[in-house]
Amino acid sequence: MSYRELRNFCEMSRTLGYPRLLSIENFRTPNFKLVAEILEWVVKRFEPNASLSASQTTTEQDRVLFIKQAVLLLLQNSRLKLNPKKLYQADGHAVQELLPAMKLLYSAARTGNEEDVQSQWNSVKSRLGTKMQEARIARQISTQLPNTAASLHELLGKQILFAKQRERAISRSIPLSEAEKAVQQSILAIVAETESITTKLNNVSTDEAALDEKIERKKREYEQMQKRYAKLQQYVLKFRNLSYMQQLQVEIEKAEHVRQATNHEGCLE
């Protein structure tokens, strides 16, 4: 573990808001309690609801179980595979294992800040574009005002002619039979239009009932698919956990065989 990596780890932990001030000297000698606290903090940054406690590591068995659980949680939530043996050493090698997870958290935090700045800048550009569009519309309207005023003046000048035509139309007497015929035609047209609207409304009610039935059917199908998807997710998670535990068991057995072989050779010597 290099000095530079230790320094970067301490700086990133301070930037990410780790509650304790870390220094390079903390990792010169094994310190399982500190490494366990850091590991718990890192895991809970990925999975806040994780049931992991660094305070329950008084015995060697508790420590081994804690390391295995933390490694499994990180693999599930961040796809990071850590070496449990190096973590158990609780020194610079443990920091080297934790460094990829810390870099991932640090990169995510920096990306979030950049996205906030970009969002604010996009909002400012949107408001500026709206104001510029309003200015263009106002400029266009101002160019149309002279033509509109000229047209209005021309229409007002024709008002005298229109007034005479209205007076002639009012003074003309309309035969009663023609008036009754016109009213009757209007009534028939209104009745026909009313019947047409009523028919359309009835069709809408029928279509609405059919559409509601289709929506309910699709909703039931969606719920069934959701249940199937949830079961598949559970199966995939269990399969991954089983595969990882099997691999971990094989590695531990290999290490145990190597240790026994070493001890046997030592005894023979």
C-alpha atoms as a PDB file:
ATOM      1  CA  MET A   1       0.000   0.000   0.000  1.00  0.00           C
ATOM      2  CA  SER A   2       1.650   3.235  -1.141  1.00  0.00           C
ATOM      3  CA  TYR A   3       1.709   6.525   0.702  1.00  0.00           C
ATOM      4  CA  ARG A   4      -0.209   8.147  -2.151  1.00  0.00           C
ATOM      5  CA  GLU A   5      -3.061   5.636  -1.936  1.00  0.00           C
ATOM      6  CA  LEU A   6      -3.314   6.103   1.832  1.00  0.00           C
ATOM      7  CA  ARG A   7      -3.408   9.873   1.403  1.00  0.00           C
ATOM      8  CA  ASN A   8      -6.085   9.679  -1.315  1.00  0.00           C
ATOM      9  CA  PHE A   9      -8.165   7.359   0.856  1.00  0.00           C
ATOM     10  CA  CYS A  10      -8.053   9.773   3.797  1.00  0.00           C
ATOM     11  CA  GLU A  11      -8.896  12.775   1.602  1.00  0.00           C
ATOM     12  CA  MET A  12     -11.832  11.015  -0.071  1.00  0.00           C
ATOM     13  CA  SER A  13     -13.233   9.899   3.292  1.00  0.00           C
ATOM     14  CA  ARG A  14     -13.095  13.499   4.515  1.00  0.00           C
ATOM     15  CA  THR A  15     -14.787  14.771   1.326  1.00  0.00           C
ATOM     16  CA  LEU A  16     -17.546  12.159   1.562  1.00  0.00           C
ATOM     17  CA  GLY A  17     -18.312  13.159   5.145  1.00  0.00           C
ATOM     18  CA  TYR A  18     -16.879  10.259   7.158  1.00  0.00           C
ATOM     19  CA  PRO A  19     -17.538  11.213  10.802  1.00  0.00           C
ATOM     20  CA  ARG A  20     -13.986  10.514  11.977  1.00  0.00           C
ATOM     21  CA  LEU A  21     -10.830  12.318  10.861  1.00  0.00           C
ATOM     22  CA  LEU A  22      -8.464   9.757   9.343  1.00  0.00           C
ATOM     23  CA  SER A  23      -4.720  10.026   8.938  1.00  0.00           C
ATOM     24  CA  ILE A  24      -2.052   7.847   7.398  1.00  0.00           C
ATOM     25  CA  GLU A  25      -0.748   6.862  10.830  1.00  0.00           C
ATOM     26  CA  ASN A  26      -4.045   5.108  11.626  1.00  0.00           C
ATOM     27  CA  PHE A  27      -3.103   2.319   9.219  1.00  0.00           C
ATOM     28  CA  ARG A  28       0.562   1.803  10.084  1.00  0.00           C
ATOM     29  CA  THR A  29      -0.409  -1.028  12.460  1.00  0.00           C
ATOM     30  CA  PRO A  30      -3.448  -3.371  12.360  1.00  0.00           C
ATOM     31  CA  ASN A  31      -6.572  -1.713  13.771  1.00  0.00           C
ATOM     32  CA  PHE A  32      -9.577  -3.974  13.220  1.00  0.00           C
ATOM     33  CA  LYS A  33     -12.013  -1.739  15.083  1.00  0.00           C
ATOM     34  CA  LEU A  34     -11.278   1.249  12.824  1.00  0.00           C
ATOM     35  CA  VAL A  35     -11.359  -0.816   9.622  1.00  0.00           C
ATOM     36  CA  ALA A  36     -14.655  -2.395  10.709  1.00  0.00           C
ATOM     37  CA  GLU A  37     -16.175   1.047  11.325  1.00  0.00           C
ATOM     38  CA  ILE A  38     -15.013   2.263   7.904  1.00  0.00           C
ATOM     39  CA  LEU A  39     -16.303  -0.905   6.246  1.00  0.00           C
ATOM     40  CA  GLU A  40     -19.707  -0.516   7.936  1.00  0.00           C
ATOM     41  CA  TRP A  41     -19.884   3.131   6.818  1.00  0.00           C
ATOM     42  CA  VAL A  42     -18.988   2.243   3.206  1.00  0.00           C
ATOM     43  CA  VAL A  43     -21.529  -0.602   3.050  1.00  0.00           C
ATOM     44  CA  LYS A  44     -24.311   1.607   4.426  1.00  0.00           C
ATOM     45  CA  ARG A  45     -23.536   4.268   1.830  1.00  0.00           C
ATOM     46  CA  PHE A  46     -24.484   1.670  -0.791  1.00  0.00           C
ATOM     47  CA  GLU A  47     -27.264  -0.012   1.243  1.00  0.00           C
ATOM     48  CA  PRO A  48     -28.618   2.210   4.077  1.00  0.00           C
ATOM     49  CA  ASN A  49     -30.834  -0.594   5.413  1.00  0.00           C
ATOM     50  CA  ALA A  50     -28.008  -3.107   5.788  1.00  0.00           C
ATOM     51  CA  SER A  51     -27.995  -4.927   9.155  1.00  0.00           C
ATOM     52  CA  LEU A  52     -24.273  -4.573   9.801  1.00  0.00           C
ATOM     53  CA  SER A  53     -22.666  -3.399  13.061  1.00  0.00           C
ATOM     54  CA  ALA A  54     -18.947  -2.929  13.661  1.00  0.00           C
ATOM     55  CA  SER A  55     -19.510  -2.917  17.429  1.00  0.00           C
ATOM     56  CA  GLN A  56     -20.372  -6.629  17.412  1.00  0.00           C
ATOM     57  CA  THR A  57     -16.861  -7.850  16.571  1.00  0.00           C
ATOM     58  CA  THR A  58     -15.450  -8.805  19.968  1.00  0.00           C
ATOM     59  CA  THR A  59     -14.537 -12.402  19.156  1.00  0.00           C
ATOM     60  CA  GLU A  60     -12.634 -13.848  16.216  1.00  0.00           C
ATOM     61  CA  GLN A  61     -15.756 -15.645  14.993  1.00  0.00           C
ATOM     62  CA  ASP A  62     -17.716 -12.378  15.087  1.00  0.00           C
ATOM     63  CA  ARG A  63     -15.003 -10.667  13.053  1.00  0.00           C
ATOM     64  CA  VAL A  64     -14.960 -13.377  10.392  1.00  0.00           C
ATOM     65  CA  LEU A  65     -18.757 -13.280  10.122  1.00  0.00           C
ATOM     66  CA  PHE A  66     -18.712  -9.471   9.931  1.00  0.00           C
ATOM     67  CA  ILE A  67     -16.146  -9.477   7.103  1.00  0.00           C
ATOM     68  CA  LYS A  68     -18.055 -12.119   5.113  1.00  0.00           C
ATOM     69  CA  GLN A  69     -21.349 -10.267   5.470  1.00  0.00           C
ATOM     70  CA  ALA A  70     -19.796  -6.932   4.452  1.00  0.00           C
ATOM     71  CA  VAL A  71     -18.069  -8.461   1.408  1.00  0.00           C
ATOM     72  CA  LEU A  72     -21.322 -10.094   0.301  1.00  0.00           C
ATOM     73  CA  LEU A  73     -23.315  -6.852   0.674  1.00  0.00           C
ATOM     74  CA  LEU A  74     -20.772  -4.889  -1.354  1.00  0.00           C
ATOM     75  CA  LEU A  75     -20.810  -7.527  -4.083  1.00  0.00           C
ATOM     76  CA  GLN A  76     -24.618  -7.402  -4.287  1.00  0.00           C
ATOM     77  CA  ASN A  77     -24.977  -3.605  -4.253  1.00  0.00           C
ATOM     78  CA  SER A  78     -21.862  -2.336  -6.032  1.00  0.00           C
ATOM     79  CA  ARG A  79     -20.543  -5.372  -7.965  1.00  0.00           C
ATOM     80  CA  LEU A  80     -17.213  -4.929  -6.161  1.00  0.00           C
ATOM     81  CA  LYS A  81     -15.423  -8.114  -5.120  1.00  0.00           C
ATOM     82  CA  LEU A  82     -13.214  -7.586  -2.059  1.00  0.00           C
ATOM     83  CA  ASN A  83     -10.633  -9.934  -0.579  1.00  0.00           C
ATOM     84  CA  PRO A  84     -11.837 -10.912   2.931  1.00  0.00           C
ATOM     85  CA  LYS A  85      -8.359 -11.989   4.032  1.00  0.00           C
ATOM     86  CA  LYS A  86      -6.845  -8.568   3.344  1.00  0.00           C
ATOM     87  CA  LEU A  87      -9.757  -6.862   5.068  1.00  0.00           C
ATOM     88  CA  TYR A  88      -9.211  -9.051   8.117  1.00  0.00           C
ATOM     89  CA  GLN A  89      -5.573  -7.870   8.314  1.00  0.00           C
ATOM     90  CA  ALA A  90      -6.967  -4.404   9.176  1.00  0.00           C
ATOM     91  CA  ASP A  91      -3.907  -2.466   7.945  1.00  0.00           C
ATOM     92  CA  GLY A  92      -2.800  -0.852   4.708  1.00  0.00           C
ATOM     93  CA  HIS A  93      -3.855  -3.934   2.747  1.00  0.00           C
ATOM     94  CA  ALA A  94      -7.416  -3.480   4.011  1.00  0.00           C
ATOM     95  CA  VAL A  95      -7.341   0.144   2.870  1.00  0.00           C
ATOM     96  CA  GLN A  96      -6.180  -1.031  -0.557  1.00  0.00           C
ATOM     97  CA  GLU A  97      -9.250  -3.294  -0.747  1.00  0.00           C
ATOM     98  CA  LEU A  98     -11.593  -0.502   0.370  1.00  0.00           C
ATOM     99  CA  LEU A  99     -10.125   2.066  -2.032  1.00  0.00           C
ATOM    100  CA  PRO A 100     -12.197   1.005  -5.133  1.00  0.00           C
ATOM    101  CA  ALA A 101     -15.446   1.345  -3.159  1.00  0.00           C
ATOM    102  CA  MET A 102     -14.357   4.740  -1.841  1.00  0.00           C
ATOM    103  CA  LYS A 103     -13.459   5.881  -5.383  1.00  0.00           C
ATOM    104  CA  LEU A 104     -16.865   4.767  -6.620  1.00  0.00           C
ATOM    105  CA  LEU A 105     -18.635   6.794  -3.914  1.00  0.00           C
ATOM    106  CA  TYR A 106     -16.377   9.798  -4.551  1.00  0.00           C
ATOM    107  CA  SER A 107     -17.047   9.689  -8.312  1.00  0.00           C
ATOM    108  CA  ALA A 108     -20.810   9.469  -7.721  1.00  0.00           C
ATOM    109  CA  ALA A 109     -20.693  12.481  -5.380  1.00  0.00           C
ATOM    110  CA  ARG A 110     -18.758  14.579  -7.909  1.00  0.00           C
ATOM    111  CA  THR A 111     -21.131  13.571 -10.716  1.00  0.00           C
ATOM    112  CA  GLY A 112     -24.119  14.619  -8.582  1.00  0.00           C
ATOM    113  CA  ASN A 113     -22.630  18.091  -7.994  1.00  0.00           C
ATOM    114  CA  GLU A 114     -21.907  18.547 -11.697  1.00  0.00           C
ATOM    115  CA  GLU A 115     -25.472  17.503 -12.535  1.00  0.00           C
ATOM    116  CA  ASP A 116     -26.862  20.122 -10.109  1.00  0.00           C
ATOM    117  CA  VAL A 117     -24.799  22.863 -11.758  1.00  0.00           C
ATOM    118  CA  GLN A 118     -25.831  21.662 -15.211  1.00  0.00           C
ATOM    119  CA  SER A 119     -29.504  21.608 -14.150  1.00  0.00           C
ATOM    120  CA  GLN A 120     -29.297  25.200 -12.885  1.00  0.00           C
ATOM    121  CA  TRP A 121     -27.595  26.314 -16.095  1.00  0.00           C
ATOM    122  CA  ASN A 122     -30.278  24.590 -18.199  1.00  0.00           C
ATOM    123  CA  SER A 123     -32.978  26.375 -16.183  1.00  0.00           C
ATOM    124  CA  VAL A 124     -31.313  29.753 -16.769  1.00  0.00           C
ATOM    125  CA  LYS A 125     -30.999  29.033 -20.500  1.00  0.00           C
ATOM    126  CA  SER A 126     -34.663  28.009 -20.647  1.00  0.00           C
ATOM    127  CA  ARG A 127     -35.821  31.232 -18.970  1.00  0.00           C
ATOM    128  CA  LEU A 128     -33.546  33.284 -21.218  1.00  0.00           C
ATOM    129  CA  GLY A 129     -34.946  31.551 -24.304  1.00  0.00           C
ATOM    130  CA  THR A 130     -38.511  32.277 -23.146  1.00  0.00           C
ATOM    131  CA  LYS A 131     -37.727  35.971 -22.663  1.00  0.00           C
ATOM    132  CA  MET A 132     -36.102  36.181 -26.091  1.00  0.00           C
ATOM    133  CA  GLN A 133     -39.149  34.511 -27.656  1.00  0.00           C
ATOM    134  CA  GLU A 134     -41.427  37.044 -25.932  1.00  0.00           C
ATOM    135  CA  ALA A 135     -39.241  39.880 -27.256  1.00  0.00           C
ATOM    136  CA  ARG A 136     -39.470  38.508 -30.814  1.00  0.00           C
ATOM    137  CA  ILE A 137     -43.275  38.245 -30.553  1.00  0.00           C
ATOM    138  CA  ALA A 138     -43.507  41.815 -29.224  1.00  0.00           C
ATOM    139  CA  ARG A 139     -41.320  43.063 -32.092  1.00  0.00           C
ATOM    140  CA  GLN A 140     -43.498  41.238 -34.622  1.00  0.00           C
ATOM    141  CA  ILE A 141     -46.684  42.699 -33.136  1.00  0.00           C
ATOM    142  CA  SER A 142     -45.210  46.203 -33.175  1.00  0.00           C
ATOM    143  CA  THR A 143     -44.528  45.883 -36.925  1.00  0.00           C
ATOM    144  CA  GLN A 144     -48.157  44.844 -37.509  1.00  0.00           C
ATOM    145  CA  LEU A 145     -49.665  47.760 -35.569  1.00  0.00           C
ATOM    146  CA  PRO A 146     -49.518  50.336 -38.451  1.00  0.00           C
ATOM    147  CA  ASN A 147     -51.316  47.982 -40.878  1.00  0.00           C
ATOM    148  CA  THR A 148     -53.949  47.103 -38.257  1.00  0.00           C
ATOM    149  CA  ALA A 149     -54.553  50.784 -37.479  1.00  0.00           C
ATOM    150  CA  ALA A 150     -54.929  51.598 -41.189  1.00  0.00           C
ATOM    151  CA  SER A 151     -57.459  48.764 -41.639  1.00  0.00           C
ATOM    152  CA  LEU A 152     -59.445  49.938 -38.603  1.00  0.00           C
ATOM    153  CA  HIS A 153     -59.521  53.508 -39.948  1.00  0.00           C
ATOM    154  CA  GLU A 154     -60.791  52.242 -43.311  1.00  0.00           C
ATOM    155  CA  LEU A 155     -63.566  50.200 -41.672  1.00  0.00           C
ATOM    156  CA  LEU A 156     -64.677  53.145 -39.559  1.00  0.00           C
ATOM    157  CA  GLY A 157     -64.873  55.226 -42.746  1.00  0.00           C
ATOM    158  CA  LYS A 158     -67.307  52.673 -44.221  1.00  0.00           C
ATOM    159  CA  GLN A 159     -69.518  52.820 -41.128  1.00  0.00           C
ATOM    160  CA  ILE A 160     -71.864  55.400 -42.748  1.00  0.00           C
ATOM    161  CA  LEU A 161     -72.545  53.090 -45.698  1.00  0.00           C
ATOM    162  CA  PHE A 162     -73.117  50.118 -43.402  1.00  0.00           C
ATOM    163  CA  ALA A 163     -75.531  52.147 -41.253  1.00  0.00           C
ATOM    164  CA  LYS A 164     -77.691  52.994 -44.283  1.00  0.00           C
ATOM    165  CA  GLN A 165     -77.793  49.331 -45.311  1.00  0.00           C
ATOM    166  CA  ARG A 166     -78.877  48.299 -41.795  1.00  0.00           C
ATOM    167  CA  GLU A 167     -81.679  50.866 -41.824  1.00  0.00           C
ATOM    168  CA  ARG A 168     -82.991  49.574 -45.172  1.00  0.00           C
ATOM    169  CA  ALA A 169     -82.907  45.981 -43.895  1.00  0.00           C
ATOM    170  CA  ILE A 170     -84.784  46.918 -40.716  1.00  0.00           C
ATOM    171  CA  SER A 171     -87.439  48.904 -42.567  1.00  0.00           C
ATOM    172  CA  ARG A 172     -88.193  46.069 -44.979  1.00  0.00           C
ATOM    173  CA  SER A 173     -91.178  43.945 -43.869  1.00  0.00           C
ATOM    174  CA  ILE A 174     -90.805  40.156 -43.964  1.00  0.00           C
ATOM    175  CA  PRO A 175     -93.885  38.053 -44.894  1.00  0.00           C
ATOM    176  CA  LEU A 176     -95.193  35.993 -41.960  1.00  0.00           C
ATOM    177  CA  SER A 177     -95.226  32.724 -43.942  1.00  0.00           C
ATOM    178  CA  GLU A 178     -91.536  33.078 -44.841  1.00  0.00           C
ATOM    179  CA  ALA A 179     -90.662  33.819 -41.230  1.00  0.00           C
ATOM    180  CA  GLU A 180     -92.557  30.748 -39.994  1.00  0.00           C
ATOM    181  CA  LYS A 181     -90.897  28.599 -42.640  1.00  0.00           C
ATOM    182  CA  ALA A 182     -87.421  29.815 -41.658  1.00  0.00           C
ATOM    183  CA  VAL A 183     -88.133  29.207 -37.951  1.00  0.00           C
ATOM    184  CA  GLN A 184     -89.475  25.713 -38.692  1.00  0.00           C
ATOM    185  CA  GLN A 185     -86.383  24.842 -40.711  1.00  0.00           C
ATOM    186  CA  SER A 186     -84.161  26.051 -37.891  1.00  0.00           C
ATOM    187  CA  ILE A 187     -86.098  23.915 -35.381  1.00  0.00           C
ATOM    188  CA  LEU A 188     -85.780  20.816 -37.571  1.00  0.00           C
ATOM    189  CA  ALA A 189     -82.046  21.413 -37.980  1.00  0.00           C
ATOM    190  CA  ILE A 190     -81.625  21.758 -34.203  1.00  0.00           C
ATOM    191  CA  VAL A 191     -83.615  18.555 -33.559  1.00  0.00           C
ATOM    192  CA  ALA A 192     -81.521  16.622 -36.080  1.00  0.00           C
ATOM    193  CA  GLU A 193     -78.321  17.923 -34.530  1.00  0.00           C
ATOM    194  CA  THR A 194     -79.573  16.990 -31.035  1.00  0.00           C
ATOM    195  CA  GLU A 195     -80.344  13.435 -32.150  1.00  0.00           C
ATOM    196  CA  SER A 196     -76.920  13.129 -33.726  1.00  0.00           C
ATOM    197  CA  ILE A 197     -75.231  14.318 -30.533  1.00  0.00           C
ATOM    198  CA  THR A 198     -77.317  11.898 -28.420  1.00  0.00           C
ATOM    199  CA  THR A 199     -76.314   8.977 -30.631  1.00  0.00           C
ATOM    200  CA  LYS A 200     -72.655   9.928 -30.370  1.00  0.00           C
ATOM    201  CA  LEU A 201     -72.923  10.191 -26.572  1.00  0.00           C
ATOM    202  CA  ASN A 202     -74.447   6.712 -26.371  1.00  0.00           C
ATOM    203  CA  ASN A 203     -71.627   5.350 -28.498  1.00  0.00           C
ATOM    204  CA  VAL A 204     -69.116   7.080 -26.239  1.00  0.00           C
ATOM    205  CA  SER A 205     -70.637   5.368 -23.177  1.00  0.00           C
ATOM    206  CA  THR A 206     -70.378   1.974 -24.868  1.00  0.00           C
ATOM    207  CA  ASP A 207     -66.797   2.622 -25.969  1.00  0.00           C
ATOM    208  CA  GLU A 208     -65.906   3.848 -22.477  1.00  0.00           C
ATOM    209  CA  ALA A 209     -67.207   0.633 -20.874  1.00  0.00           C
ATOM    210  CA  ALA A 210     -65.229  -1.484 -23.347  1.00  0.00           C
ATOM    211  CA  LEU A 211     -62.124   0.604 -22.738  1.00  0.00           C
ATOM    212  CA  ASP A 212     -62.488   0.265 -18.951  1.00  0.00           C
ATOM    213  CA  GLU A 213     -62.721  -3.502 -19.348  1.00  0.00           C
ATOM    214  CA  LYS A 214     -59.549  -3.545 -21.452  1.00  0.00           C
ATOM    215  CA  ILE A 215     -57.748  -1.381 -18.900  1.00  0.00           C
ATOM    216  CA  GLU A 216     -58.710  -3.723 -16.054  1.00  0.00           C
ATOM    217  CA  ARG A 217     -57.554  -6.737 -18.048  1.00  0.00           C
ATOM    218  CA  LYS A 218     -54.215  -5.105 -18.853  1.00  0.00           C
ATOM    219  CA  LYS A 219     -53.852  -4.087 -15.210  1.00  0.00           C
ATOM    220  CA  ARG A 220     -54.317  -7.685 -14.074  1.00  0.00           C
ATOM    221  CA  GLU A 221     -51.808  -8.867 -16.658  1.00  0.00           C
ATOM    222  CA  TYR A 222     -49.344  -6.217 -15.474  1.00  0.00           C
ATOM    223  CA  GLU A 223     -49.718  -7.301 -11.839  1.00  0.00           C
ATOM    224  CA  GLN A 224     -49.096 -10.915 -12.805  1.00  0.00           C
ATOM    225  CA  MET A 225     -45.969  -9.918 -14.737  1.00  0.00           C
ATOM    226  CA  GLN A 226     -44.766  -7.874 -11.759  1.00  0.00           C
ATOM    227  CA  LYS A 227     -45.129 -10.894  -9.472  1.00  0.00           C
ATOM    228  CA  ARG A 228     -43.224 -13.076 -11.941  1.00  0.00           C
ATOM    229  CA  TYR A 229     -40.503 -10.460 -12.238  1.00  0.00           C
ATOM    230  CA  ALA A 230     -40.167 -10.236  -8.442  1.00  0.00           C
ATOM    231  CA  LYS A 231     -39.828 -14.017  -8.188  1.00  0.00           C
ATOM    232  CA  LEU A 232     -37.167 -14.010 -10.911  1.00  0.00           C
ATOM    233  CA  GLN A 233     -35.242 -11.274  -9.100  1.00  0.00           C
ATOM    234  CA  GLN A 234     -35.304 -13.287  -5.878  1.00  0.00           C
ATOM    235  CA  TYR A 235     -34.110 -16.376  -7.735  1.00  0.00           C
ATOM    236  CA  VAL A 236     -31.243 -14.481  -9.415  1.00  0.00           C
ATOM    237  CA  LEU A 237     -30.165 -12.955  -6.082  1.00  0.00           C
ATOM    238  CA  LYS A 238     -30.205 -16.340  -4.341  1.00  0.00           C
ATOM    239  CA  PHE A 239     -28.268 -17.901  -7.214  1.00  0.00           C
ATOM    240  CA  ARG A 240     -25.604 -15.172  -7.073  1.00  0.00           C
ATOM    241  CA  ASN A 241     -25.304 -15.500  -3.291  1.00  0.00           C
ATOM    242  CA  LEU A 242     -24.974 -19.286  -3.560  1.00  0.00           C
ATOM    243  CA  SER A 243     -22.352 -19.027  -6.308  1.00  0.00           C
ATOM    244  CA  TYR A 244     -20.338 -16.522  -4.323  1.00  0.00           C
ATOM    245  CA  MET A 245     -20.506 -18.551  -1.112  1.00  0.00           C
ATOM    246  CA  GLN A 246     -19.430 -21.679  -2.999  1.00  0.00           C
ATOM    247  CA  GLN A 247     -16.503 -19.826  -4.520  1.00  0.00           C
ATOM    248  CA  LEU A 248     -15.575 -18.394  -1.119  1.00  0.00           C
ATOM    249  CA  GLN A 249     -15.747 -21.878   0.415  1.00  0.00           C
ATOM    250  CA  VAL A 250     -13.446 -23.256  -2.280  1.00  0.00           C
ATOM    251  CA  GLU A 251     -10.916 -20.465  -1.678  1.00  0.00           C
ATOM    252  CA  ILE A 252     -10.997 -21.048   2.083  1.00  0.00           C
ATOM    253  CA  GLU A 253     -10.519 -24.803   1.583  1.00  0.00           C
ATOM    254  CA  LYS A 254      -7.577 -24.169  -0.740  1.00  0.00           C
ATOM    255  CA  ALA A 255      -6.003 -21.846   1.807  1.00  0.00           C
ATOM    256  CA  GLU A 256      -6.548 -24.438   4.535  1.00  0.00           C
ATOM    257  CA  HIS A 257      -4.897 -27.151   2.412  1.00  0.00           C
ATOM    258  CA  VAL A 258      -1.924 -24.886   1.768  1.00  0.00           C
ATOM    259  CA  ARG A 259      -1.635 -24.090   5.468  1.00  0.00           C
ATOM    260  CA  GLN A 260      -1.806 -27.784   6.424  1.00  0.00           C
ATOM    261  CA  ALA A 261       0.777 -28.677   3.811  1.00  0.00           C
ATOM    262  CA  THR A 262       3.089 -25.954   5.092  1.00  0.00           C
ATOM    263  CA  ASN A 263       2.681 -27.139   8.673  1.00  0.00           C
ATOM    264  CA  HIS A 264       3.344 -30.739   7.612  1.00  0.00           C
ATOM    265  CA  GLU A 265       6.541 -29.775   5.811  1.00  0.00           C
ATOM    266  CA  GLY A 266       7.627 -27.810   8.865  1.00  0.00           C
ATOM    267  CA  CYS A 267       7.059 -30.829  11.082  1.00  0.00           C
ATOM    268  CA  LEU A 268       9.049 -33.074   8.737  1.00  0.00           C
ATOM    269  CA  GLU A 269      11.972 -30.673   8.842  1.00  0.00           C
END
